[in-house]
Amino acid sequence: REEFGGLGMNTEEEVQIIYEVAHASPAYRSCFASTIGIGSQGIVIDGTPEQREKYLPRMAKGELIGAFCLTEPDIGSDAAHLKLSARADGDHFVLNGTKRFITNAPEAGVFTVMARSNPKEEGAKGITAFLVEAGTPGLRLGKTDRKLGHHGSHTSDVIFEDVRVHKSTIVGNREGYGFITAMKVLDRGRLHIAAACCGAAERLIEMMLDYAVDRVQFGKPIAEHQLVQGLIADSKRDSYVAWCALLDACRTRDRGERATTVAACAKYFASEMVWRVADAAVQVHGGNGYMQDYRVEQFLRDVRLYRLYEGTSQIQQLIIARDLLKEHRG
């Protein structure tokens, strides 16, 4: 949003930026894109004018880091049944519970927190989104997580112990609308993840090509061996198809059409694709691919996460199938 210091890009333009950043470093993309992505999009999409004016210009300048708090210790894919409570107390709400695996938590200045404000509603209707600033009494962080990859992107638990926030911190001043906001954010976030997958895949293909041209076995570069060529060709095929699917999904969203199904398709295919490409890159590098002297093993560890967050591959399957069945039944 240009009025808040943004560049005014559409979805297709945004994913091209994400592609380039992930091409360089998946971990840096996670730090950067979590703020301009899921860390701020709840405010962009459903926030009040006052909330947008307060937070978005600082996020656009990089002065304020945002985090999106949905996952809990016992709640991952089943987000509609989260347990973190928000008890009404006059003009305030009191938050209690824990959020888990929260990207940017150790550096974040503001958290978009999904909490159950209506205990009588067990599902999505009882959830409200709150904007909670770092330093609010009762808010504290767990230890920084030790992860398989994305070591440059920090995550931790965010713990709420009688955290008191004013009702004006409710995103959009709409109590009970938090789950809907979260799903809107994740639709867009899945396109970002798909773009990250495509950027990382192209980087891995470049690594394969460089190594295959230079590495000599049986008296000639391994690039001249057909089985190695097959690994490279399959990787490029998959990367190209994923990018085409992503652009189509972005254009669907930019036309103002509902993009839930196509966003899930793009994220699902791209995240599975980049894992196959990373595995092929290690294979082309042979024993060297298993060594830390070559960055392919780092990319392999980093891209594994894409099949998990913003909804696992299995959750994407459910989203796609349920949307198709709903449409078919009318």
Protein backbone atom coordinates (compact mmCIF):
# COMPACT_ATOMS: atom_id res chain seq x y z
CA ARG A 1 0.00 0.00 0.00
CA GLU A 2 1.71 3.21 -1.21
CA GLU A 3 -0.14 5.41 1.29
CA PHE A 4 1.67 3.59 4.10
CA GLY A 5 5.13 3.61 2.52
CA GLY A 6 4.83 0.48 0.39
CA LEU A 7 5.68 0.16 -3.29
CA GLY A 8 2.13 -0.48 -4.45
CA MET A 9 3.00 -3.74 -6.18
CA ASN A 10 0.43 -6.30 -7.19
CA THR A 11 0.75 -9.95 -6.20
CA GLU A 12 2.59 -10.97 -9.35
CA GLU A 13 5.19 -8.25 -8.84
CA GLU A 14 5.60 -9.16 -5.18
CA VAL A 15 6.34 -12.82 -5.86
CA GLN A 16 9.06 -11.84 -8.32
CA ILE A 17 10.80 -9.98 -5.47
CA ILE A 18 10.38 -12.95 -3.14
CA TYR A 19 11.78 -15.21 -5.89
CA GLU A 20 14.98 -13.16 -6.09
CA VAL A 21 15.46 -12.97 -2.32
CA ALA A 22 14.96 -16.72 -1.88
CA HIS A 23 17.34 -17.33 -4.78
CA ALA A 24 20.01 -15.70 -2.63
CA SER A 25 19.05 -16.94 0.83
CA PRO A 26 15.95 -18.83 2.02
CA ALA A 27 16.65 -17.84 5.62
CA TYR A 28 16.85 -14.14 4.83
CA ARG A 29 13.62 -14.39 2.88
CA SER A 30 11.99 -15.78 5.98
CA CYS A 31 13.13 -12.82 8.11
CA PHE A 32 12.21 -10.19 5.53
CA ALA A 33 9.05 -11.67 4.03
CA SER A 34 7.48 -12.62 7.35
CA THR A 35 7.23 -8.93 8.19
CA ILE A 36 5.88 -7.73 4.86
CA GLY A 37 3.89 -10.97 4.55
CA ILE A 38 2.04 -12.75 7.32
CA GLY A 39 3.41 -10.37 10.00
CA SER A 40 1.62 -7.36 8.51
CA GLN A 41 -1.03 -8.63 6.11
CA GLY A 42 -3.68 -9.01 8.78
CA ILE A 43 -3.40 -5.26 9.30
CA VAL A 44 -3.27 -4.53 5.58
CA ILE A 45 -6.29 -6.69 4.77
CA ASP A 46 -8.57 -6.18 7.77
CA GLY A 47 -7.00 -3.54 10.03
CA THR A 48 -8.65 -0.24 10.95
CA PRO A 49 -7.27 3.01 9.43
CA GLU A 50 -5.70 3.79 12.80
CA GLN A 51 -4.00 0.40 13.03
CA ARG A 52 -2.67 0.69 9.51
CA GLU A 53 -1.31 4.19 10.15
CA LYS A 54 0.30 3.13 13.42
CA TYR A 55 2.17 0.05 12.19
CA LEU A 56 2.46 -0.21 8.42
CA PRO A 57 4.75 2.79 7.66
CA ARG A 58 7.28 1.53 10.21
CA MET A 59 7.09 -2.00 8.82
CA ALA A 60 7.57 -0.71 5.28
CA LYS A 61 10.71 1.14 6.38
CA GLY A 62 12.10 -1.88 8.21
CA GLU A 63 11.87 -0.10 11.55
CA LEU A 64 9.35 -2.56 12.96
CA ILE A 65 9.37 -6.34 12.60
CA GLY A 66 6.11 -8.23 12.67
CA ALA A 67 5.21 -11.79 13.67
CA PHE A 68 2.11 -13.91 13.10
CA CYS A 69 1.02 -16.03 16.07
CA LEU A 70 -1.28 -18.90 15.13
CA THR A 71 0.42 -22.25 15.89
CA GLU A 72 0.30 -23.57 19.45
CA PRO A 73 2.02 -26.49 21.24
CA ASP A 74 -0.99 -28.76 20.65
CA ILE A 75 -2.49 -26.95 17.66
CA GLY A 76 -0.84 -26.90 14.24
CA SER A 77 -2.93 -27.78 11.21
CA ASP A 78 -6.20 -27.67 13.20
CA ALA A 79 -6.03 -23.91 13.67
CA ALA A 80 -9.78 -23.49 14.14
CA HIS A 81 -9.48 -25.14 17.57
CA LEU A 82 -6.70 -23.05 19.08
CA LYS A 83 -6.68 -22.69 22.86
CA LEU A 84 -4.93 -19.41 23.73
CA SER A 85 -7.63 -17.55 25.63
CA ALA A 86 -8.70 -13.91 25.52
CA ARG A 87 -10.98 -13.19 28.48
CA ALA A 88 -13.05 -10.02 28.29
CA ASP A 89 -12.56 -7.63 31.20
CA GLY A 90 -14.35 -4.33 30.66
CA ASP A 91 -12.67 -2.48 27.81
CA HIS A 92 -9.77 -4.94 27.87
CA PHE A 93 -9.00 -8.57 27.15
CA VAL A 94 -6.64 -10.75 29.18
CA LEU A 95 -4.59 -13.22 27.10
CA ASN A 96 -3.23 -16.51 28.45
CA GLY A 97 -1.51 -19.34 26.60
CA THR A 98 1.46 -20.14 24.37
CA LYS A 99 2.18 -19.82 20.67
CA ARG A 100 4.87 -22.05 19.10
CA PHE A 101 7.38 -21.86 16.20
CA ILE A 102 6.77 -18.12 15.75
CA THR A 103 9.04 -16.72 13.04
CA ASN A 104 10.77 -13.43 13.96
CA ALA A 105 9.55 -13.69 17.58
CA PRO A 106 12.94 -12.80 19.13
CA GLU A 107 13.13 -9.60 17.04
CA ALA A 108 9.44 -8.71 16.58
CA GLY A 109 7.97 -5.44 17.77
CA VAL A 110 4.34 -6.39 17.18
CA PHE A 111 2.55 -9.74 17.13
CA THR A 112 -0.71 -10.55 15.35
CA VAL A 113 -2.18 -13.00 17.84
CA MET A 114 -5.09 -15.36 17.21
CA ALA A 115 -6.92 -16.05 20.47
CA ARG A 116 -10.20 -17.60 21.58
CA SER A 117 -12.31 -14.69 22.81
CA ASN A 118 -15.55 -16.65 23.03
CA PRO A 119 -15.11 -19.89 25.00
CA LYS A 120 -18.66 -20.93 24.11
CA GLU A 121 -17.64 -21.16 20.45
CA GLU A 122 -15.32 -24.13 19.99
CA GLY A 123 -14.54 -23.56 16.32
CA ALA A 124 -13.47 -20.71 14.06
CA LYS A 125 -16.23 -18.30 15.13
CA GLY A 126 -14.78 -17.93 18.62
CA ILE A 127 -11.39 -16.61 17.43
CA THR A 128 -10.32 -12.95 17.47
CA ALA A 129 -7.09 -11.40 16.15
CA PHE A 130 -5.23 -9.01 18.46
CA LEU A 131 -2.23 -6.74 17.88
CA VAL A 132 0.10 -7.15 20.86
CA GLU A 133 3.29 -5.11 21.11
CA ALA A 134 6.56 -6.48 22.43
CA GLY A 135 7.18 -5.33 25.97
CA THR A 136 3.54 -5.62 27.00
CA PRO A 137 3.53 -6.85 30.63
CA GLY A 138 3.09 -10.61 30.81
CA LEU A 139 4.40 -11.29 27.31
CA ARG A 140 7.65 -13.23 27.22
CA LEU A 141 9.58 -15.47 24.83
CA GLY A 142 10.84 -19.01 25.13
CA LYS A 143 14.33 -20.08 24.11
CA THR A 144 15.26 -19.54 20.48
CA ASP A 145 14.52 -22.78 18.65
CA ARG A 146 17.28 -25.04 17.33
CA LYS A 147 16.21 -26.11 13.84
CA LEU A 148 17.25 -28.39 10.99
CA GLY A 149 17.63 -25.39 8.66
CA HIS A 150 16.84 -21.69 8.40
CA HIS A 151 19.44 -20.98 11.07
CA GLY A 152 19.50 -17.30 10.13
CA SER A 153 15.76 -17.00 10.77
CA HIS A 154 14.89 -17.06 14.44
CA THR A 155 11.80 -18.67 15.96
CA SER A 156 10.61 -19.25 19.51
CA ASP A 157 7.58 -19.72 21.71
CA VAL A 158 5.60 -16.60 22.57
CA ILE A 159 4.13 -16.93 26.04
CA PHE A 160 1.17 -14.91 27.34
CA GLU A 161 0.63 -14.74 31.10
CA ASP A 162 -2.25 -12.39 31.96
CA VAL A 163 -1.35 -10.09 29.07
CA ARG A 164 -3.81 -7.21 29.22
CA VAL A 165 -4.68 -5.47 25.94
CA HIS A 166 -7.30 -2.86 25.10
CA LYS A 167 -10.20 -3.79 22.83
CA SER A 168 -8.83 -1.26 20.31
CA THR A 169 -6.05 -3.78 19.56
CA ILE A 170 -8.57 -6.15 17.94
CA VAL A 171 -7.72 -6.26 14.22
CA GLY A 172 -10.39 -4.32 12.39
CA ASN A 173 -12.35 -3.92 15.66
CA ARG A 174 -14.16 -7.11 14.67
CA GLU A 175 -14.41 -9.63 17.49
CA GLY A 176 -14.82 -13.23 16.32
CA TYR A 177 -13.36 -12.47 12.88
CA GLY A 178 -9.80 -13.60 13.59
CA PHE A 179 -9.91 -16.97 11.88
CA ILE A 180 -11.23 -15.39 8.68
CA THR A 181 -8.39 -12.86 8.80
CA ALA A 182 -5.87 -15.65 9.36
CA MET A 183 -7.12 -17.61 6.35
CA LYS A 184 -6.92 -14.52 4.13
CA VAL A 185 -3.35 -13.97 5.30
CA LEU A 186 -2.42 -17.59 4.63
CA ASP A 187 -3.90 -17.54 1.11
CA ARG A 188 -1.48 -14.78 0.24
CA GLY A 189 1.33 -16.31 2.29
CA ARG A 190 1.12 -19.53 0.29
CA LEU A 191 1.90 -17.60 -2.87
CA HIS A 192 4.96 -16.15 -1.14
CA ILE A 193 6.12 -19.62 -0.12
CA ALA A 194 5.62 -20.91 -3.66
CA ALA A 195 7.76 -18.03 -4.94
CA ALA A 196 10.46 -18.86 -2.40
CA CYS A 197 10.42 -22.47 -3.57
CA CYS A 198 10.87 -21.39 -7.19
CA GLY A 199 13.73 -19.04 -6.35
CA ALA A 200 15.56 -21.68 -4.32
CA ALA A 201 14.98 -24.30 -7.05
CA GLU A 202 16.57 -22.12 -9.72
CA ARG A 203 19.57 -21.51 -7.45
CA LEU A 204 19.95 -25.26 -6.96
CA ILE A 205 19.74 -25.88 -10.71
CA GLU A 206 22.51 -23.32 -11.25
CA MET A 207 24.61 -25.14 -8.65
CA MET A 208 24.00 -28.44 -10.45
CA LEU A 209 25.02 -26.98 -13.78
CA ASP A 210 28.19 -25.36 -12.43
CA TYR A 211 29.28 -28.53 -10.70
CA ALA A 212 28.36 -30.88 -13.54
CA VAL A 213 30.36 -28.85 -16.07
CA ASP A 214 33.47 -28.71 -13.86
CA ARG A 215 33.44 -32.19 -12.33
CA VAL A 216 35.24 -34.81 -14.44
CA GLN A 217 34.56 -38.54 -14.13
CA PHE A 218 35.32 -41.36 -16.60
CA GLY A 219 37.41 -38.92 -18.62
CA LYS A 220 34.74 -36.26 -19.27
CA PRO A 221 32.57 -33.74 -17.37
CA ILE A 222 29.66 -35.43 -15.64
CA ALA A 223 27.38 -33.00 -17.50
CA GLU A 224 27.96 -35.19 -20.55
CA HIS A 225 26.59 -38.28 -18.83
CA GLN A 226 22.94 -38.83 -19.72
CA LEU A 227 21.79 -39.88 -16.27
CA VAL A 228 23.13 -36.62 -14.82
CA GLN A 229 21.43 -34.73 -17.64
CA GLY A 230 18.19 -36.46 -16.66
CA LEU A 231 18.41 -35.12 -13.10
CA ILE A 232 19.03 -31.61 -14.41
CA ALA A 233 16.26 -31.80 -16.99
CA ASP A 234 13.67 -33.09 -14.53
CA SER A 235 14.59 -30.35 -12.08
CA LYS A 236 14.15 -27.62 -14.68
CA ARG A 237 10.87 -29.12 -15.86
CA ASP A 238 9.44 -29.08 -12.35
CA SER A 239 10.73 -25.60 -11.57
CA TYR A 240 9.23 -24.19 -14.77
CA VAL A 241 5.84 -25.78 -14.15
CA ALA A 242 5.78 -24.49 -10.57
CA TRP A 243 6.59 -20.95 -11.71
CA CYS A 244 3.86 -21.03 -14.37
CA ALA A 245 1.31 -22.26 -11.82
CA LEU A 246 2.36 -19.56 -9.38
CA LEU A 247 2.00 -16.76 -11.92
CA ASP A 248 -1.47 -18.01 -12.86
CA ALA A 249 -2.50 -18.05 -9.18
CA CYS A 250 -1.14 -14.53 -8.68
CA ARG A 251 -3.02 -13.22 -11.70
CA THR A 252 -6.19 -14.82 -10.39
CA ARG A 253 -5.79 -12.95 -7.11
CA ASP A 254 -4.87 -9.71 -8.87
CA ARG A 255 -8.10 -9.90 -10.88
CA GLY A 256 -9.97 -9.90 -7.57
CA GLU A 257 -11.07 -13.50 -7.93
CA ARG A 258 -11.04 -16.01 -5.09
CA ALA A 259 -7.60 -17.65 -5.12
CA THR A 260 -7.76 -20.17 -2.27
CA THR A 261 -7.66 -23.27 -4.46
CA VAL A 262 -5.03 -22.08 -6.91
CA ALA A 263 -2.85 -20.68 -4.11
CA ALA A 264 -2.97 -24.06 -2.37
CA CYS A 265 -2.15 -25.81 -5.66
CA ALA A 266 0.83 -23.53 -6.29
CA LYS A 267 2.20 -23.89 -2.77
CA TYR A 268 1.66 -27.65 -2.70
CA PHE A 269 3.35 -28.32 -6.03
CA ALA A 270 6.19 -25.83 -5.55
CA SER A 271 7.12 -27.04 -2.06
CA GLU A 272 7.21 -30.66 -3.15
CA MET A 273 9.08 -29.64 -6.30
CA VAL A 274 11.90 -27.80 -4.54
CA TRP A 275 12.48 -30.78 -2.23
CA ARG A 276 12.94 -33.02 -5.28
CA VAL A 277 15.27 -30.47 -6.88
CA ALA A 278 17.35 -30.15 -3.71
CA ASP A 279 17.68 -33.93 -3.50
CA ALA A 280 18.73 -34.06 -7.16
CA ALA A 281 21.31 -31.34 -6.54
CA VAL A 282 22.87 -33.37 -3.74
CA GLN A 283 22.88 -36.41 -6.03
CA VAL A 284 24.63 -34.56 -8.84
CA HIS A 285 27.27 -33.36 -6.39
CA GLY A 286 27.82 -36.92 -5.17
CA GLY A 287 29.75 -37.17 -1.92
CA ASN A 288 30.55 -33.46 -2.08
CA GLY A 289 26.85 -32.71 -1.90
CA TYR A 290 26.80 -34.13 1.61
CA MET A 291 29.62 -31.84 2.75
CA GLN A 292 29.17 -28.38 4.22
CA ASP A 293 31.84 -27.02 1.90
CA TYR A 294 29.14 -26.97 -0.77
CA ARG A 295 25.91 -25.07 -0.10
CA VAL A 296 23.59 -27.68 -1.57
CA GLU A 297 23.29 -29.45 1.79
CA GLN A 298 22.29 -26.14 3.39
CA PHE A 299 19.62 -25.54 0.75
CA LEU A 300 18.38 -29.11 1.24
CA ARG A 301 17.88 -28.42 4.94
CA ASP A 302 16.36 -24.99 4.35
CA VAL A 303 13.81 -25.99 1.70
CA ARG A 304 12.48 -28.92 3.73
CA LEU A 305 10.53 -26.42 5.80
CA TYR A 306 8.44 -25.29 2.83
CA ARG A 307 6.50 -28.56 2.90
CA LEU A 308 5.43 -27.77 6.47
CA TYR A 309 4.59 -24.15 7.09
CA GLU A 310 1.71 -22.08 5.72
CA GLY A 311 -0.04 -25.44 5.85
CA THR A 312 1.57 -28.84 5.28
CA SER A 313 1.31 -30.58 1.92
CA GLN A 314 -1.47 -32.71 3.38
CA ILE A 315 -3.43 -29.62 4.44
CA GLN A 316 -3.08 -28.24 0.90
CA GLN A 317 -4.58 -31.50 -0.38
CA LEU A 318 -7.55 -31.06 1.93
CA ILE A 319 -8.05 -27.41 0.95
CA ILE A 320 -7.98 -28.24 -2.76
CA ALA A 321 -10.31 -31.24 -2.48
CA ARG A 322 -12.80 -29.51 -0.20
CA ASP A 323 -12.96 -26.43 -2.41
CA LEU A 324 -13.52 -28.55 -5.51
CA LEU A 325 -16.24 -30.60 -3.82
CA LYS A 326 -17.96 -27.46 -2.53
CA GLU A 327 -17.92 -25.94 -6.00
CA HIS A 328 -19.14 -29.17 -7.60
CA ARG A 329 -22.04 -29.49 -5.19
CA GLY A 330 -23.00 -25.87 -5.73
